[in-house]
């Protein structure tokens, strides 16, 4: 038998404490070379795009495949198939839309916890969608934030973001009229947009700022202007193999010689002490995340264990 866990059950079972704990542990497993993660494989028909990626981690009982389908006229379908890490049998089908969003927010929070200044209090946010909200929620859990400024092109969207996130987090959240106004002087800069052209300029970034660039996960999408990398002292990615294939922000800086892969570090090895992190209060740091299957799978396994202990989900015959 396999357990089917629907989206409403995932939302009930998955909280921020669990997300932060499991995602950080998954990154550490990568750093210790005790995890498997494959970049996305992509396919399509005339109408639908499909993406698949697999991951597993030793000692966490986690092994699985994440599958996502997208269609321009319908909502994405996001699913995890989880397997017994010892025997290989199917253990669960799980709706993974909310889980993926939480994983993105938790990944960003782990990066902030590792790289941002401890006294960071102000946040500039570019983007007002679900992932921008997740990034702010995660950041507020790992730093004592006071003020956030948000910009997105649609005024109604940025104003509703400001109202709702202020009520939820207790922060001062202001909708502003330009990307520059949101970012200038901020201790943290959170990018979660669908931009295809650079929206973050180097001249807006203050010494000591940390940047989470989470939106551009295709080679044809860019959020960060190449000139930003002239100012960054440390560039970290969630997984270099995946970033080579999907991090559009890195293409031009590397082609121009402004940035070299040898200078880009994975977050997992940094967490376990294989590389040095922030070295000064004035250093500008940047984390580029494209999303890792191993984090989704480890988080899904943790949700499955809670579902089993609480008797939640529906059993599906599986010979």
C-alpha atoms as a PDB file:
ATOM      1  CA  UNK A   1       0.000   0.000   0.000  1.00  0.00           C
ATOM      2  CA  UNK A   2       1.078   3.568  -0.687  1.00  0.00           C
ATOM      3  CA  UNK A   3      -0.277   6.650   1.068  1.00  0.00           C
ATOM      4  CA  UNK A   4      -1.803   9.471  -0.956  1.00  0.00           C
ATOM      5  CA  UNK A   5      -1.336  12.822   0.808  1.00  0.00           C
ATOM      6  CA  UNK A   6      -3.400  15.673  -0.649  1.00  0.00           C
ATOM      7  CA  UNK A   7      -2.488  19.369  -0.669  1.00  0.00           C
ATOM      8  CA  UNK A   8      -4.753  20.206   2.275  1.00  0.00           C
ATOM      9  CA  UNK A   9      -3.049  17.512   4.354  1.00  0.00           C
ATOM     10  CA  UNK A  10       0.422  18.824   3.451  1.00  0.00           C
ATOM     11  CA  UNK A  11      -0.610  22.317   4.521  1.00  0.00           C
ATOM     12  CA  UNK A  12      -1.850  20.926   7.842  1.00  0.00           C
ATOM     13  CA  UNK A  13       1.257  18.839   8.523  1.00  0.00           C
ATOM     14  CA  UNK A  14       4.063  21.114   7.311  1.00  0.00           C
ATOM     15  CA  UNK A  15       5.080  24.034   9.513  1.00  0.00           C
ATOM     16  CA  UNK A  16       8.020  26.420   9.334  1.00  0.00           C
ATOM     17  CA  UNK A  17       9.970  24.789  12.152  1.00  0.00           C
ATOM     18  CA  UNK A  18       9.944  21.466  10.327  1.00  0.00           C
ATOM     19  CA  UNK A  19      10.715  23.083   6.964  1.00  0.00           C
ATOM     20  CA  UNK A  20      13.768  24.960   8.259  1.00  0.00           C
ATOM     21  CA  UNK A  21      15.101  21.944  10.144  1.00  0.00           C
ATOM     22  CA  UNK A  22      14.730  19.487   7.270  1.00  0.00           C
ATOM     23  CA  UNK A  23      15.940  21.775   4.474  1.00  0.00           C
ATOM     24  CA  UNK A  24      19.067  22.761   6.391  1.00  0.00           C
ATOM     25  CA  UNK A  25      19.760  19.100   7.134  1.00  0.00           C
ATOM     26  CA  UNK A  26      19.346  18.248   3.436  1.00  0.00           C
ATOM     27  CA  UNK A  27      21.898  20.920   2.509  1.00  0.00           C
ATOM     28  CA  UNK A  28      24.281  19.505   5.108  1.00  0.00           C
ATOM     29  CA  UNK A  29      23.855  16.044   3.606  1.00  0.00           C
ATOM     30  CA  UNK A  30      24.928  17.501   0.255  1.00  0.00           C
ATOM     31  CA  UNK A  31      27.950  19.053   1.940  1.00  0.00           C
ATOM     32  CA  UNK A  32      28.887  15.715   3.510  1.00  0.00           C
ATOM     33  CA  UNK A  33      28.416  13.936   0.153  1.00  0.00           C
ATOM     34  CA  UNK A  34      25.608  11.856   1.656  1.00  0.00           C
ATOM     35  CA  UNK A  35      22.893  13.010  -0.748  1.00  0.00           C
ATOM     36  CA  UNK A  36      21.886  12.533  -4.368  1.00  0.00           C
ATOM     37  CA  UNK A  37      20.383  15.346  -6.404  1.00  0.00           C
ATOM     38  CA  UNK A  38      19.770  15.503 -10.153  1.00  0.00           C
ATOM     39  CA  UNK A  39      18.994  18.680 -12.110  1.00  0.00           C
ATOM     40  CA  UNK A  40      15.622  18.966 -13.819  1.00  0.00           C
ATOM     41  CA  UNK A  41      14.969  16.895 -16.914  1.00  0.00           C
ATOM     42  CA  UNK A  42      12.554  18.629 -19.265  1.00  0.00           C
ATOM     43  CA  UNK A  43      10.077  17.376 -21.857  1.00  0.00           C
ATOM     44  CA  UNK A  44       7.025  18.690 -23.658  1.00  0.00           C
ATOM     45  CA  UNK A  45       4.078  18.003 -25.935  1.00  0.00           C
ATOM     46  CA  UNK A  46       2.417  20.643 -28.096  1.00  0.00           C
ATOM     47  CA  UNK A  47       0.660  22.006 -25.009  1.00  0.00           C
ATOM     48  CA  UNK A  48       2.309  20.779 -21.790  1.00  0.00           C
ATOM     49  CA  UNK A  49       5.791  21.035 -20.302  1.00  0.00           C
ATOM     50  CA  UNK A  50       6.937  18.351 -17.853  1.00  0.00           C
ATOM     51  CA  UNK A  51       9.886  18.496 -15.455  1.00  0.00           C
ATOM     52  CA  UNK A  52      11.297  15.629 -13.391  1.00  0.00           C
ATOM     53  CA  UNK A  53      14.122  15.472 -10.862  1.00  0.00           C
ATOM     54  CA  UNK A  54      15.158  12.919  -8.265  1.00  0.00           C
ATOM     55  CA  UNK A  55      16.850  13.084  -4.908  1.00  0.00           C
ATOM     56  CA  UNK A  56      17.738  11.084  -1.839  1.00  0.00           C
ATOM     57  CA  UNK A  57      19.657  11.474   1.403  1.00  0.00           C
ATOM     58  CA  UNK A  58      21.364   8.874   3.562  1.00  0.00           C
ATOM     59  CA  UNK A  59      20.212   8.725   7.153  1.00  0.00           C
ATOM     60  CA  UNK A  60      16.971  10.591   6.430  1.00  0.00           C
ATOM     61  CA  UNK A  61      15.028   7.713   4.874  1.00  0.00           C
ATOM     62  CA  UNK A  62      14.430   9.953   1.874  1.00  0.00           C
ATOM     63  CA  UNK A  63      14.288   8.780  -1.723  1.00  0.00           C
ATOM     64  CA  UNK A  64      11.961  10.088  -4.390  1.00  0.00           C
ATOM     65  CA  UNK A  65      11.104  11.791  -7.650  1.00  0.00           C
ATOM     66  CA  UNK A  66       9.500  15.193  -8.090  1.00  0.00           C
ATOM     67  CA  UNK A  67       7.342  15.756 -11.182  1.00  0.00           C
ATOM     68  CA  UNK A  68       5.884  19.065 -12.348  1.00  0.00           C
ATOM     69  CA  UNK A  69       3.657  19.736 -15.354  1.00  0.00           C
ATOM     70  CA  UNK A  70       2.727  23.204 -16.599  1.00  0.00           C
ATOM     71  CA  UNK A  71       0.175  24.494 -19.090  1.00  0.00           C
ATOM     72  CA  UNK A  72      -0.447  28.132 -19.911  1.00  0.00           C
ATOM     73  CA  UNK A  73      -4.208  27.823 -19.308  1.00  0.00           C
ATOM     74  CA  UNK A  74      -4.229  25.755 -16.111  1.00  0.00           C
ATOM     75  CA  UNK A  75      -2.500  25.576 -12.751  1.00  0.00           C
ATOM     76  CA  UNK A  76       0.751  23.582 -12.477  1.00  0.00           C
ATOM     77  CA  UNK A  77       0.493  19.991 -11.277  1.00  0.00           C
ATOM     78  CA  UNK A  78       3.215  19.264  -8.725  1.00  0.00           C
ATOM     79  CA  UNK A  79       3.732  15.789  -7.265  1.00  0.00           C
ATOM     80  CA  UNK A  80       6.217  13.741  -5.270  1.00  0.00           C
ATOM     81  CA  UNK A  81       6.599   9.986  -5.542  1.00  0.00           C
ATOM     82  CA  UNK A  82       8.399   8.678  -2.452  1.00  0.00           C
ATOM     83  CA  UNK A  83      10.054   5.281  -2.077  1.00  0.00           C
ATOM     84  CA  UNK A  84      11.297   3.092   0.758  1.00  0.00           C
ATOM     85  CA  UNK A  85      14.978   4.003   1.068  1.00  0.00           C
ATOM     86  CA  UNK A  86      15.911   0.456   2.135  1.00  0.00           C
ATOM     87  CA  UNK A  87      13.654  -1.752   0.020  1.00  0.00           C
ATOM     88  CA  UNK A  88      12.706   0.486  -2.890  1.00  0.00           C
ATOM     89  CA  UNK A  89       8.939   0.060  -2.731  1.00  0.00           C
ATOM     90  CA  UNK A  90       6.573   2.962  -3.367  1.00  0.00           C
ATOM     91  CA  UNK A  91       5.480   4.555  -0.081  1.00  0.00           C
ATOM     92  CA  UNK A  92       3.602   7.697  -1.081  1.00  0.00           C
ATOM     93  CA  UNK A  93       2.100   9.898  -3.761  1.00  0.00           C
ATOM     94  CA  UNK A  94       2.011  13.454  -2.464  1.00  0.00           C
ATOM     95  CA  UNK A  95       0.690  16.723  -3.869  1.00  0.00           C
ATOM     96  CA  UNK A  96       3.675  19.042  -3.623  1.00  0.00           C
ATOM     97  CA  UNK A  97       2.638  22.581  -4.597  1.00  0.00           C
ATOM     98  CA  UNK A  98       2.609  23.983  -1.063  1.00  0.00           C
ATOM     99  CA  UNK A  99       5.592  21.864  -0.094  1.00  0.00           C
ATOM    100  CA  UNK A 100       7.651  23.312  -2.963  1.00  0.00           C
ATOM    101  CA  UNK A 101       6.775  26.869  -1.961  1.00  0.00           C
ATOM    102  CA  UNK A 102       7.721  26.183   1.662  1.00  0.00           C
ATOM    103  CA  UNK A 103      10.957  24.573   0.550  1.00  0.00           C
ATOM    104  CA  UNK A 104      11.828  27.685  -1.456  1.00  0.00           C
ATOM    105  CA  UNK A 105      11.213  29.922   1.540  1.00  0.00           C
ATOM    106  CA  UNK A 106      13.158  27.627   3.851  1.00  0.00           C
ATOM    107  CA  UNK A 107      16.099  27.431   1.421  1.00  0.00           C
ATOM    108  CA  UNK A 108      16.251  31.212   1.307  1.00  0.00           C
ATOM    109  CA  UNK A 109      16.061  31.377   5.109  1.00  0.00           C
ATOM    110  CA  UNK A 110      18.947  28.920   5.503  1.00  0.00           C
ATOM    111  CA  UNK A 111      21.023  31.063   3.141  1.00  0.00           C
ATOM    112  CA  UNK A 112      20.189  34.210   5.136  1.00  0.00           C
ATOM    113  CA  UNK A 113      20.964  32.454   8.420  1.00  0.00           C
ATOM    114  CA  UNK A 114      24.358  31.433   6.998  1.00  0.00           C
ATOM    115  CA  UNK A 115      25.385  34.528   5.033  1.00  0.00           C
ATOM    116  CA  UNK A 116      23.551  37.668   6.152  1.00  0.00           C
ATOM    117  CA  UNK A 117      24.759  40.012   8.884  1.00  0.00           C
ATOM    118  CA  UNK A 118      23.338  39.193  12.294  1.00  0.00           C
ATOM    119  CA  UNK A 119      22.091  42.768  12.730  1.00  0.00           C
ATOM    120  CA  UNK A 120      20.127  42.847   9.452  1.00  0.00           C
ATOM    121  CA  UNK A 121      16.835  44.702  10.019  1.00  0.00           C
ATOM    122  CA  UNK A 122      15.666  46.158   6.692  1.00  0.00           C
ATOM    123  CA  UNK A 123      14.481  44.192   3.660  1.00  0.00           C
ATOM    124  CA  UNK A 124      13.978  45.184   0.035  1.00  0.00           C
ATOM    125  CA  UNK A 125      11.685  42.835  -1.895  1.00  0.00           C
ATOM    126  CA  UNK A 126      11.266  42.668  -5.655  1.00  0.00           C
ATOM    127  CA  UNK A 127       8.196  40.598  -6.483  1.00  0.00           C
ATOM    128  CA  UNK A 128       4.832  40.227  -4.760  1.00  0.00           C
ATOM    129  CA  UNK A 129       3.764  36.662  -5.548  1.00  0.00           C
ATOM    130  CA  UNK A 130       3.691  33.509  -3.464  1.00  0.00           C
ATOM    131  CA  UNK A 131       7.448  32.968  -3.424  1.00  0.00           C
ATOM    132  CA  UNK A 132       8.134  36.584  -2.453  1.00  0.00           C
ATOM    133  CA  UNK A 133       5.841  36.019   0.520  1.00  0.00           C
ATOM    134  CA  UNK A 134       7.631  32.784   1.401  1.00  0.00           C
ATOM    135  CA  UNK A 135      11.008  34.504   1.224  1.00  0.00           C
ATOM    136  CA  UNK A 136       9.886  37.248   3.614  1.00  0.00           C
ATOM    137  CA  UNK A 137       8.318  34.735   6.025  1.00  0.00           C
ATOM    138  CA  UNK A 138      11.514  32.684   6.074  1.00  0.00           C
ATOM    139  CA  UNK A 139      13.750  35.730   6.488  1.00  0.00           C
ATOM    140  CA  UNK A 140      11.666  36.989   9.436  1.00  0.00           C
ATOM    141  CA  UNK A 141      12.258  33.692  11.238  1.00  0.00           C
ATOM    142  CA  UNK A 142      16.068  33.876  11.125  1.00  0.00           C
ATOM    143  CA  UNK A 143      16.718  37.607  11.563  1.00  0.00           C
ATOM    144  CA  UNK A 144      15.171  40.258  13.802  1.00  0.00           C
ATOM    145  CA  UNK A 145      13.664  42.310  10.997  1.00  0.00           C
ATOM    146  CA  UNK A 146      11.913  45.644  11.415  1.00  0.00           C
ATOM    147  CA  UNK A 147      11.036  47.160   8.027  1.00  0.00           C
ATOM    148  CA  UNK A 148      10.355  45.800   4.555  1.00  0.00           C
ATOM    149  CA  UNK A 149       9.829  47.644   1.274  1.00  0.00           C
ATOM    150  CA  UNK A 150       8.246  45.883  -1.701  1.00  0.00           C
ATOM    151  CA  UNK A 151       8.043  46.700  -5.389  1.00  0.00           C
ATOM    152  CA  UNK A 152       6.349  44.862  -8.232  1.00  0.00           C
ATOM    153  CA  UNK A 153       5.086  46.407 -11.482  1.00  0.00           C
ATOM    154  CA  UNK A 154       1.377  46.172 -10.623  1.00  0.00           C
ATOM    155  CA  UNK A 155       0.447  48.679  -7.928  1.00  0.00           C
ATOM    156  CA  UNK A 156      -2.489  46.668  -6.636  1.00  0.00           C
ATOM    157  CA  UNK A 157      -0.312  43.592  -6.155  1.00  0.00           C
ATOM    158  CA  UNK A 158       2.425  45.358  -4.200  1.00  0.00           C
ATOM    159  CA  UNK A 159      -0.077  47.195  -2.019  1.00  0.00           C
ATOM    160  CA  UNK A 160      -1.981  44.013  -1.134  1.00  0.00           C
ATOM    161  CA  UNK A 161       1.346  42.310  -0.387  1.00  0.00           C
ATOM    162  CA  UNK A 162       2.282  45.145   1.988  1.00  0.00           C
ATOM    163  CA  UNK A 163      -1.064  45.077   3.833  1.00  0.00           C
ATOM    164  CA  UNK A 164      -1.242  41.307   4.184  1.00  0.00           C
ATOM    165  CA  UNK A 165       2.402  40.685   5.108  1.00  0.00           C
ATOM    166  CA  UNK A 166       2.408  43.522   7.657  1.00  0.00           C
ATOM    167  CA  UNK A 167      -0.611  41.972   9.348  1.00  0.00           C
ATOM    168  CA  UNK A 168       0.917  38.502   9.262  1.00  0.00           C
ATOM    169  CA  UNK A 169       4.504  39.274  10.329  1.00  0.00           C
ATOM    170  CA  UNK A 170       4.141  42.377  12.482  1.00  0.00           C
ATOM    171  CA  UNK A 171       6.772  44.160  10.355  1.00  0.00           C
ATOM    172  CA  UNK A 172       6.438  47.598   8.832  1.00  0.00           C
ATOM    173  CA  UNK A 173       5.857  46.717   5.175  1.00  0.00           C
ATOM    174  CA  UNK A 174       5.666  49.534   2.629  1.00  0.00           C
ATOM    175  CA  UNK A 175       4.707  49.331  -1.040  1.00  0.00           C
ATOM    176  CA  UNK A 176       7.026  51.596  -3.043  1.00  0.00           C
ATOM    177  CA  UNK A 177       7.054  52.897  -6.604  1.00  0.00           C
ATOM    178  CA  UNK A 178      10.345  51.546  -7.976  1.00  0.00           C
ATOM    179  CA  UNK A 179      12.831  48.717  -7.599  1.00  0.00           C
ATOM    180  CA  UNK A 180      15.486  51.253  -6.589  1.00  0.00           C
ATOM    181  CA  UNK A 181      13.315  52.612  -3.773  1.00  0.00           C
ATOM    182  CA  UNK A 182      12.714  49.093  -2.454  1.00  0.00           C
ATOM    183  CA  UNK A 183      16.354  48.024  -2.492  1.00  0.00           C
ATOM    184  CA  UNK A 184      18.450  51.112  -1.706  1.00  0.00           C
ATOM    185  CA  UNK A 185      19.851  50.919   1.825  1.00  0.00           C
ATOM    186  CA  UNK A 186      18.392  47.464   2.557  1.00  0.00           C
ATOM    187  CA  UNK A 187      20.313  44.933   4.643  1.00  0.00           C
ATOM    188  CA  UNK A 188      18.575  42.054   2.851  1.00  0.00           C
ATOM    189  CA  UNK A 189      17.434  41.998  -0.777  1.00  0.00           C
ATOM    190  CA  UNK A 190      14.923  39.318  -1.773  1.00  0.00           C
ATOM    191  CA  UNK A 191      14.272  38.662  -5.469  1.00  0.00           C
ATOM    192  CA  UNK A 192      11.337  36.463  -6.478  1.00  0.00           C
ATOM    193  CA  UNK A 193      10.082  37.638  -9.851  1.00  0.00           C
ATOM    194  CA  UNK A 194       9.361  36.357 -13.351  1.00  0.00           C
ATOM    195  CA  UNK A 195      11.717  38.916 -14.902  1.00  0.00           C
ATOM    196  CA  UNK A 196      13.549  38.146 -18.134  1.00  0.00           C
ATOM    197  CA  UNK A 197      15.709  41.288 -17.966  1.00  0.00           C
ATOM    198  CA  UNK A 198      17.842  42.530 -15.040  1.00  0.00           C
ATOM    199  CA  UNK A 199      15.958  44.428 -12.353  1.00  0.00           C
ATOM    200  CA  UNK A 200      18.637  44.733  -9.623  1.00  0.00           C
ATOM    201  CA  UNK A 201      21.420  47.277 -10.229  1.00  0.00           C
ATOM    202  CA  UNK A 202      24.767  47.338  -8.421  1.00  0.00           C
ATOM    203  CA  UNK A 203      24.609  51.033  -7.506  1.00  0.00           C
ATOM    204  CA  UNK A 204      21.541  50.435  -5.322  1.00  0.00           C
ATOM    205  CA  UNK A 205      23.240  47.837  -3.098  1.00  0.00           C
ATOM    206  CA  UNK A 206      24.712  48.959   0.227  1.00  0.00           C
ATOM    207  CA  UNK A 207      27.930  47.554   1.729  1.00  0.00           C
ATOM    208  CA  UNK A 208      27.190  44.492   3.861  1.00  0.00           C
ATOM    209  CA  UNK A 209      23.929  43.594   2.115  1.00  0.00           C
ATOM    210  CA  UNK A 210      22.905  40.019   1.430  1.00  0.00           C
ATOM    211  CA  UNK A 211      20.947  39.110  -1.718  1.00  0.00           C
ATOM    212  CA  UNK A 212      18.679  36.110  -2.214  1.00  0.00           C
ATOM    213  CA  UNK A 213      18.067  35.705  -5.970  1.00  0.00           C
ATOM    214  CA  UNK A 214      15.312  33.091  -6.178  1.00  0.00           C
ATOM    215  CA  UNK A 215      13.230  33.909  -9.239  1.00  0.00           C
ATOM    216  CA  UNK A 216      15.236  33.268 -12.422  1.00  0.00           C
ATOM    217  CA  UNK A 217      15.406  29.470 -12.716  1.00  0.00           C
ATOM    218  CA  UNK A 218      15.787  29.240 -16.505  1.00  0.00           C
ATOM    219  CA  UNK A 219      18.797  30.269 -18.570  1.00  0.00           C
ATOM    220  CA  UNK A 220      16.601  32.758 -20.433  1.00  0.00           C
ATOM    221  CA  UNK A 221      15.533  34.607 -17.272  1.00  0.00           C
ATOM    222  CA  UNK A 222      17.603  37.206 -15.417  1.00  0.00           C
ATOM    223  CA  UNK A 223      16.922  39.260 -12.270  1.00  0.00           C
ATOM    224  CA  UNK A 224      20.440  40.397 -11.330  1.00  0.00           C
ATOM    225  CA  UNK A 225      22.371  42.835 -13.539  1.00  0.00           C
ATOM    226  CA  UNK A 226      25.871  41.536 -14.358  1.00  0.00           C
ATOM    227  CA  UNK A 227      27.398  44.633 -12.746  1.00  0.00           C
ATOM    228  CA  UNK A 228      26.169  43.374  -9.352  1.00  0.00           C
ATOM    229  CA  UNK A 229      28.826  40.665  -9.456  1.00  0.00           C
ATOM    230  CA  UNK A 230      31.576  43.307  -9.534  1.00  0.00           C
ATOM    231  CA  UNK A 231      30.512  44.228  -5.995  1.00  0.00           C
ATOM    232  CA  UNK A 232      29.785  40.805  -4.506  1.00  0.00           C
ATOM    233  CA  UNK A 233      32.499  39.283  -2.364  1.00  0.00           C
ATOM    234  CA  UNK A 234      30.873  35.859  -2.094  1.00  0.00           C
ATOM    235  CA  UNK A 235      28.496  34.055  -4.478  1.00  0.00           C
ATOM    236  CA  UNK A 236      26.810  30.868  -3.249  1.00  0.00           C
ATOM    237  CA  UNK A 237      24.394  28.560  -5.084  1.00  0.00           C
ATOM    238  CA  UNK A 238      22.185  25.758  -3.845  1.00  0.00           C
ATOM    239  CA  UNK A 239      23.844  23.288  -6.253  1.00  0.00           C
ATOM    240  CA  UNK A 240      26.458  24.109  -8.889  1.00  0.00           C
ATOM    241  CA  UNK A 241      25.485  21.297 -11.261  1.00  0.00           C
ATOM    242  CA  UNK A 242      21.907  22.586 -11.327  1.00  0.00           C
ATOM    243  CA  UNK A 243      22.981  26.236 -11.453  1.00  0.00           C
ATOM    244  CA  UNK A 244      25.097  25.615 -14.569  1.00  0.00           C
ATOM    245  CA  UNK A 245      21.941  24.460 -16.352  1.00  0.00           C
ATOM    246  CA  UNK A 246      19.347  26.828 -14.909  1.00  0.00           C
ATOM    247  CA  UNK A 247      20.782  29.970 -13.299  1.00  0.00           C
ATOM    248  CA  UNK A 248      20.223  32.648 -15.931  1.00  0.00           C
ATOM    249  CA  UNK A 249      21.666  35.308 -13.618  1.00  0.00           C
ATOM    250  CA  UNK A 250      25.115  33.718 -13.852  1.00  0.00           C
ATOM    251  CA  UNK A 251      25.389  33.311 -17.636  1.00  0.00           C
ATOM    252  CA  UNK A 252      26.610  36.770 -18.673  1.00  0.00           C
ATOM    253  CA  UNK A 253      28.957  37.367 -15.702  1.00  0.00           C
ATOM    254  CA  UNK A 254      30.664  34.043 -16.395  1.00  0.00           C
ATOM    255  CA  UNK A 255      30.840  34.567 -20.166  1.00  0.00           C
ATOM    256  CA  UNK A 256      32.363  38.021 -19.642  1.00  0.00           C
ATOM    257  CA  UNK A 257      34.915  36.725 -17.126  1.00  0.00           C
ATOM    258  CA  UNK A 258      33.494  38.825 -14.304  1.00  0.00           C
ATOM    259  CA  UNK A 259      32.702  35.622 -12.415  1.00  0.00           C
ATOM    260  CA  UNK A 260      34.268  32.146 -12.501  1.00  0.00           C
ATOM    261  CA  UNK A 261      32.758  28.826 -11.465  1.00  0.00           C
ATOM    262  CA  UNK A 262      35.803  28.168  -9.275  1.00  0.00           C
ATOM    263  CA  UNK A 263      34.744  31.169  -7.160  1.00  0.00           C
ATOM    264  CA  UNK A 264      31.122  30.034  -6.747  1.00  0.00           C
ATOM    265  CA  UNK A 265      30.428  27.855  -3.705  1.00  0.00           C
ATOM    266  CA  UNK A 266      27.668  25.388  -2.911  1.00  0.00           C
ATOM    267  CA  UNK A 267      25.668  26.127   0.229  1.00  0.00           C
ATOM    268  CA  UNK A 268      25.919  22.562   1.583  1.00  0.00           C
ATOM    269  CA  UNK A 269      29.720  22.390   1.811  1.00  0.00           C
ATOM    270  CA  UNK A 270      29.768  25.898   3.291  1.00  0.00           C
ATOM    271  CA  UNK A 271      27.373  24.774   6.045  1.00  0.00           C
ATOM    272  CA  UNK A 272      29.670  21.928   7.066  1.00  0.00           C
ATOM    273  CA  UNK A 273      32.769  24.123   7.112  1.00  0.00           C
ATOM    274  CA  UNK A 274      34.425  23.250   3.814  1.00  0.00           C
ATOM    275  CA  UNK A 275      34.402  26.884   2.659  1.00  0.00           C
ATOM    276  CA  UNK A 276      34.544  30.213   4.425  1.00  0.00           C
ATOM    277  CA  UNK A 277      31.379  32.287   4.582  1.00  0.00           C
ATOM    278  CA  UNK A 278      31.000  36.032   5.173  1.00  0.00           C
ATOM    279  CA  UNK A 279      34.365  37.535   6.154  1.00  0.00           C
ATOM    280  CA  UNK A 280      33.391  41.116   7.025  1.00  0.00           C
ATOM    281  CA  UNK A 281      30.458  43.351   7.914  1.00  0.00           C
ATOM    282  CA  UNK A 282      30.898  45.257   4.632  1.00  0.00           C
ATOM    283  CA  UNK A 283      31.083  42.232   2.328  1.00  0.00           C
ATOM    284  CA  UNK A 284      28.171  41.845  -0.107  1.00  0.00           C
ATOM    285  CA  UNK A 285      26.983  38.244  -0.372  1.00  0.00           C
ATOM    286  CA  UNK A 286      24.626  36.638  -2.873  1.00  0.00           C
ATOM    287  CA  UNK A 287      22.737  33.343  -2.830  1.00  0.00           C
ATOM    288  CA  UNK A 288      21.350  32.028  -6.110  1.00  0.00           C
ATOM    289  CA  UNK A 289      18.709  29.312  -5.671  1.00  0.00           C
ATOM    290  CA  UNK A 290      17.192  27.234  -8.477  1.00  0.00           C
ATOM    291  CA  UNK A 291      15.503  24.567  -6.310  1.00  0.00           C
ATOM    292  CA  UNK A 292      16.715  21.085  -5.401  1.00  0.00           C
ATOM    293  CA  UNK A 293      14.880  17.780  -5.586  1.00  0.00           C
ATOM    294  CA  UNK A 294      16.697  16.433  -2.539  1.00  0.00           C
ATOM    295  CA  UNK A 295      15.220  19.207  -0.371  1.00  0.00           C
ATOM    296  CA  UNK A 296      11.702  18.528  -1.682  1.00  0.00           C
ATOM    297  CA  UNK A 297      12.123  14.778  -1.171  1.00  0.00           C
ATOM    298  CA  UNK A 298      13.497  15.120   2.361  1.00  0.00           C
ATOM    299  CA  UNK A 299      10.680  17.495   3.247  1.00  0.00           C
ATOM    300  CA  UNK A 300       8.140  15.139   1.687  1.00  0.00           C
ATOM    301  CA  UNK A 301       9.516  12.246   3.730  1.00  0.00           C
ATOM    302  CA  UNK A 302       9.150  14.292   6.929  1.00  0.00           C
ATOM    303  CA  UNK A 303       5.542  15.119   6.005  1.00  0.00           C
ATOM    304  CA  UNK A 304       4.861  11.451   5.222  1.00  0.00           C
ATOM    305  CA  UNK A 305       6.163  10.396   8.632  1.00  0.00           C
ATOM    306  CA  UNK A 306       3.842  12.893  10.311  1.00  0.00           C
ATOM    307  CA  UNK A 307       0.930  11.721   8.172  1.00  0.00           C
ATOM    308  CA  UNK A 308       1.519   8.109   9.162  1.00  0.00           C
ATOM    309  CA  UNK A 309       1.816   8.948  12.865  1.00  0.00           C
ATOM    310  CA  UNK A 310      -1.402  11.004  12.800  1.00  0.00           C
ATOM    311  CA  UNK A 311      -3.406   8.669  10.570  1.00  0.00           C
ATOM    312  CA  UNK A 312      -3.759  11.260   7.803  1.00  0.00           C
ATOM    313  CA  UNK A 313      -4.004  10.440   4.101  1.00  0.00           C
ATOM    314  CA  UNK A 314      -5.621   7.773   1.941  1.00  0.00           C
ATOM    315  CA  UNK A 315      -4.172   4.324   1.332  1.00  0.00           C
ATOM    316  CA  UNK A 316      -3.821   3.346  -2.325  1.00  0.00           C
ATOM    317  CA  UNK A 317      -3.418  -0.317  -3.391  1.00  0.00           C
ATOM    318  CA  UNK A 318      -0.036  -0.825  -4.982  1.00  0.00           C
ATOM    319  CA  UNK A 319       1.084  -4.350  -5.797  1.00  0.00           C
END
